[in-house]
Amino acid sequence: MSAVCAALAADPVLASHYADFRGKTEAALDPALVALVRQAVAAVHGMGQAPDEAGLDEGTRLCVAYARRMPFEHTAITDAEAAALVTHLGEPGFVAFSVLAALADAECRAEQVGLVELAGV
């Protein structure tokens, strides 16, 4: 369970909505990509090892590289870089990917600040 989900435990309705939103986002993408994105973002935060990119196709490597930049370099991502992901994932996939990367970043940050304890859970 993510730190965000745990912190929302005091409000079952909100926790349910968050879990549903997170689940639908992940379901829109390949499970292997979801795991790679979450692992890449966590590694940026110093919360684990970077994913092994050996054997990944070029499009997936682009996704991992893009995900790594989301937490601290998102304003430096170019339109051309985003367009490459749209080409690889399709527009709906790119939107789901962007949401996934943002949620992964938020969940890492929540864990690092002890959101569960701050929320009094």
Protein backbone atom coordinates (compact mmCIF):
# COMPACT_ATOMS: atom_id res chain seq x y z
CA MET A 1 0.00 0.00 0.00
CA SER A 2 1.37 3.40 -0.92
CA ALA A 3 1.91 6.07 1.71
CA VAL A 4 -0.84 8.13 0.09
CA CYS A 5 -3.32 5.24 0.29
CA ALA A 6 -2.36 4.61 3.91
CA ALA A 7 -2.72 8.30 4.80
CA LEU A 8 -6.18 8.33 3.25
CA ALA A 9 -7.30 5.37 5.35
CA ALA A 10 -9.15 7.67 7.74
CA ASP A 11 -11.48 8.61 4.88
CA PRO A 12 -12.62 5.36 3.26
CA VAL A 13 -14.50 7.11 0.46
CA LEU A 14 -11.52 9.23 -0.55
CA ALA A 15 -9.19 6.24 -0.17
CA SER A 16 -11.45 4.20 -2.42
CA HIS A 17 -11.58 6.94 -5.07
CA TYR A 18 -7.81 7.34 -5.01
CA ALA A 19 -7.23 3.59 -5.29
CA ASP A 20 -9.74 3.39 -8.14
CA PHE A 21 -8.09 6.30 -10.00
CA ARG A 22 -4.64 4.78 -9.47
CA GLY A 23 -5.86 1.36 -10.60
CA LYS A 24 -7.51 2.71 -13.75
CA THR A 25 -4.37 4.66 -14.61
CA GLU A 26 -2.21 1.56 -14.26
CA ALA A 27 -4.69 -0.61 -16.15
CA ALA A 28 -4.37 1.68 -19.18
CA LEU A 29 -0.69 0.71 -19.54
CA ASP A 30 1.33 -2.46 -19.84
CA PRO A 31 2.03 -3.80 -16.31
CA ALA A 32 5.75 -4.12 -17.11
CA LEU A 33 5.88 -0.43 -18.07
CA VAL A 34 4.03 0.52 -14.89
CA ALA A 35 6.63 -1.31 -12.81
CA LEU A 36 9.51 0.28 -14.71
CA VAL A 37 8.10 3.79 -14.31
CA ARG A 38 7.49 3.32 -10.60
CA GLN A 39 11.00 1.87 -10.16
CA ALA A 40 12.63 4.69 -12.16
CA VAL A 41 10.84 7.40 -10.18
CA ALA A 42 11.65 5.72 -6.86
CA ALA A 43 15.33 5.50 -7.86
CA VAL A 44 15.40 9.24 -8.56
CA HIS A 45 14.21 9.74 -4.98
CA GLY A 46 16.92 7.39 -3.68
CA MET A 47 14.33 4.78 -2.76
CA GLY A 48 15.69 1.81 -4.69
CA GLN A 49 17.71 0.71 -7.65
CA ALA A 50 17.24 2.08 -11.14
CA PRO A 51 15.56 -0.34 -13.52
CA ASP A 52 17.71 -2.59 -15.66
CA GLU A 53 17.23 -1.33 -19.19
CA ALA A 54 19.01 -4.22 -20.90
CA GLY A 55 16.68 -5.77 -23.42
CA LEU A 56 14.17 -2.92 -23.44
CA ASP A 57 13.02 -1.61 -26.79
CA GLU A 58 13.76 2.00 -27.74
CA GLY A 59 10.25 3.23 -26.92
CA THR A 60 10.32 1.73 -23.44
CA ARG A 61 13.79 3.19 -22.82
CA LEU A 62 12.38 6.60 -23.82
CA CYS A 63 9.56 6.12 -21.31
CA VAL A 64 11.99 5.24 -18.51
CA ALA A 65 14.21 8.23 -19.32
CA TYR A 66 11.18 10.54 -19.39
CA ALA A 67 9.87 9.13 -16.09
CA ARG A 68 13.24 9.81 -14.45
CA ARG A 69 12.97 13.46 -15.38
CA MET A 70 9.43 13.97 -14.11
CA PRO A 71 10.23 14.52 -10.41
CA PHE A 72 12.84 17.28 -10.72
CA GLU A 73 13.28 18.17 -14.40
CA HIS A 74 9.73 18.19 -15.77
CA THR A 75 9.98 21.80 -16.94
CA ALA A 76 12.99 20.90 -19.12
CA ILE A 77 11.15 18.17 -21.05
CA THR A 78 10.74 19.33 -24.62
CA ASP A 79 7.74 19.09 -26.90
CA ALA A 80 9.79 16.76 -29.12
CA GLU A 81 10.43 14.40 -26.19
CA ALA A 82 6.74 14.38 -25.32
CA ALA A 83 5.83 13.81 -28.98
CA ALA A 84 8.13 10.78 -29.09
CA LEU A 85 6.20 9.25 -26.20
CA VAL A 86 2.86 10.07 -27.84
CA THR A 87 4.12 8.26 -30.94
CA HIS A 88 5.14 5.25 -28.83
CA LEU A 89 2.15 5.11 -26.46
CA GLY A 90 -0.63 6.90 -28.34
CA GLU A 91 -2.35 9.96 -26.90
CA PRO A 92 -4.44 8.07 -24.28
CA GLY A 93 -1.37 6.05 -23.27
CA PHE A 94 0.70 9.21 -22.93
CA VAL A 95 -1.92 10.74 -20.65
CA ALA A 96 -2.03 7.59 -18.50
CA PHE A 97 1.79 7.48 -18.46
CA SER A 98 1.96 11.13 -17.34
CA VAL A 99 -0.54 10.52 -14.55
CA LEU A 100 1.33 7.37 -13.49
CA ALA A 101 4.66 9.23 -13.30
CA ALA A 102 3.05 12.06 -11.31
CA LEU A 103 1.40 9.64 -8.87
CA ALA A 104 4.64 7.68 -8.47
CA ASP A 105 6.45 10.93 -7.68
CA ALA A 106 3.77 12.04 -5.20
CA GLU A 107 3.75 8.64 -3.50
CA CYS A 108 7.53 8.66 -3.10
CA ARG A 109 7.45 12.17 -1.65
CA ALA A 110 4.63 11.17 0.71
CA GLU A 111 6.67 8.24 1.97
CA GLN A 112 9.77 10.38 2.43
CA VAL A 113 7.98 12.95 4.61
CA GLY A 114 6.11 10.32 6.62
CA LEU A 115 2.68 11.34 5.37
CA VAL A 116 1.04 8.46 7.21
CA GLU A 117 2.33 9.79 10.53
CA LEU A 118 1.55 13.39 9.57
CA ALA A 119 -2.01 12.34 8.78
CA GLY A 120 -2.26 10.72 12.19
CA VAL A 121 -2.99 7.26 10.79
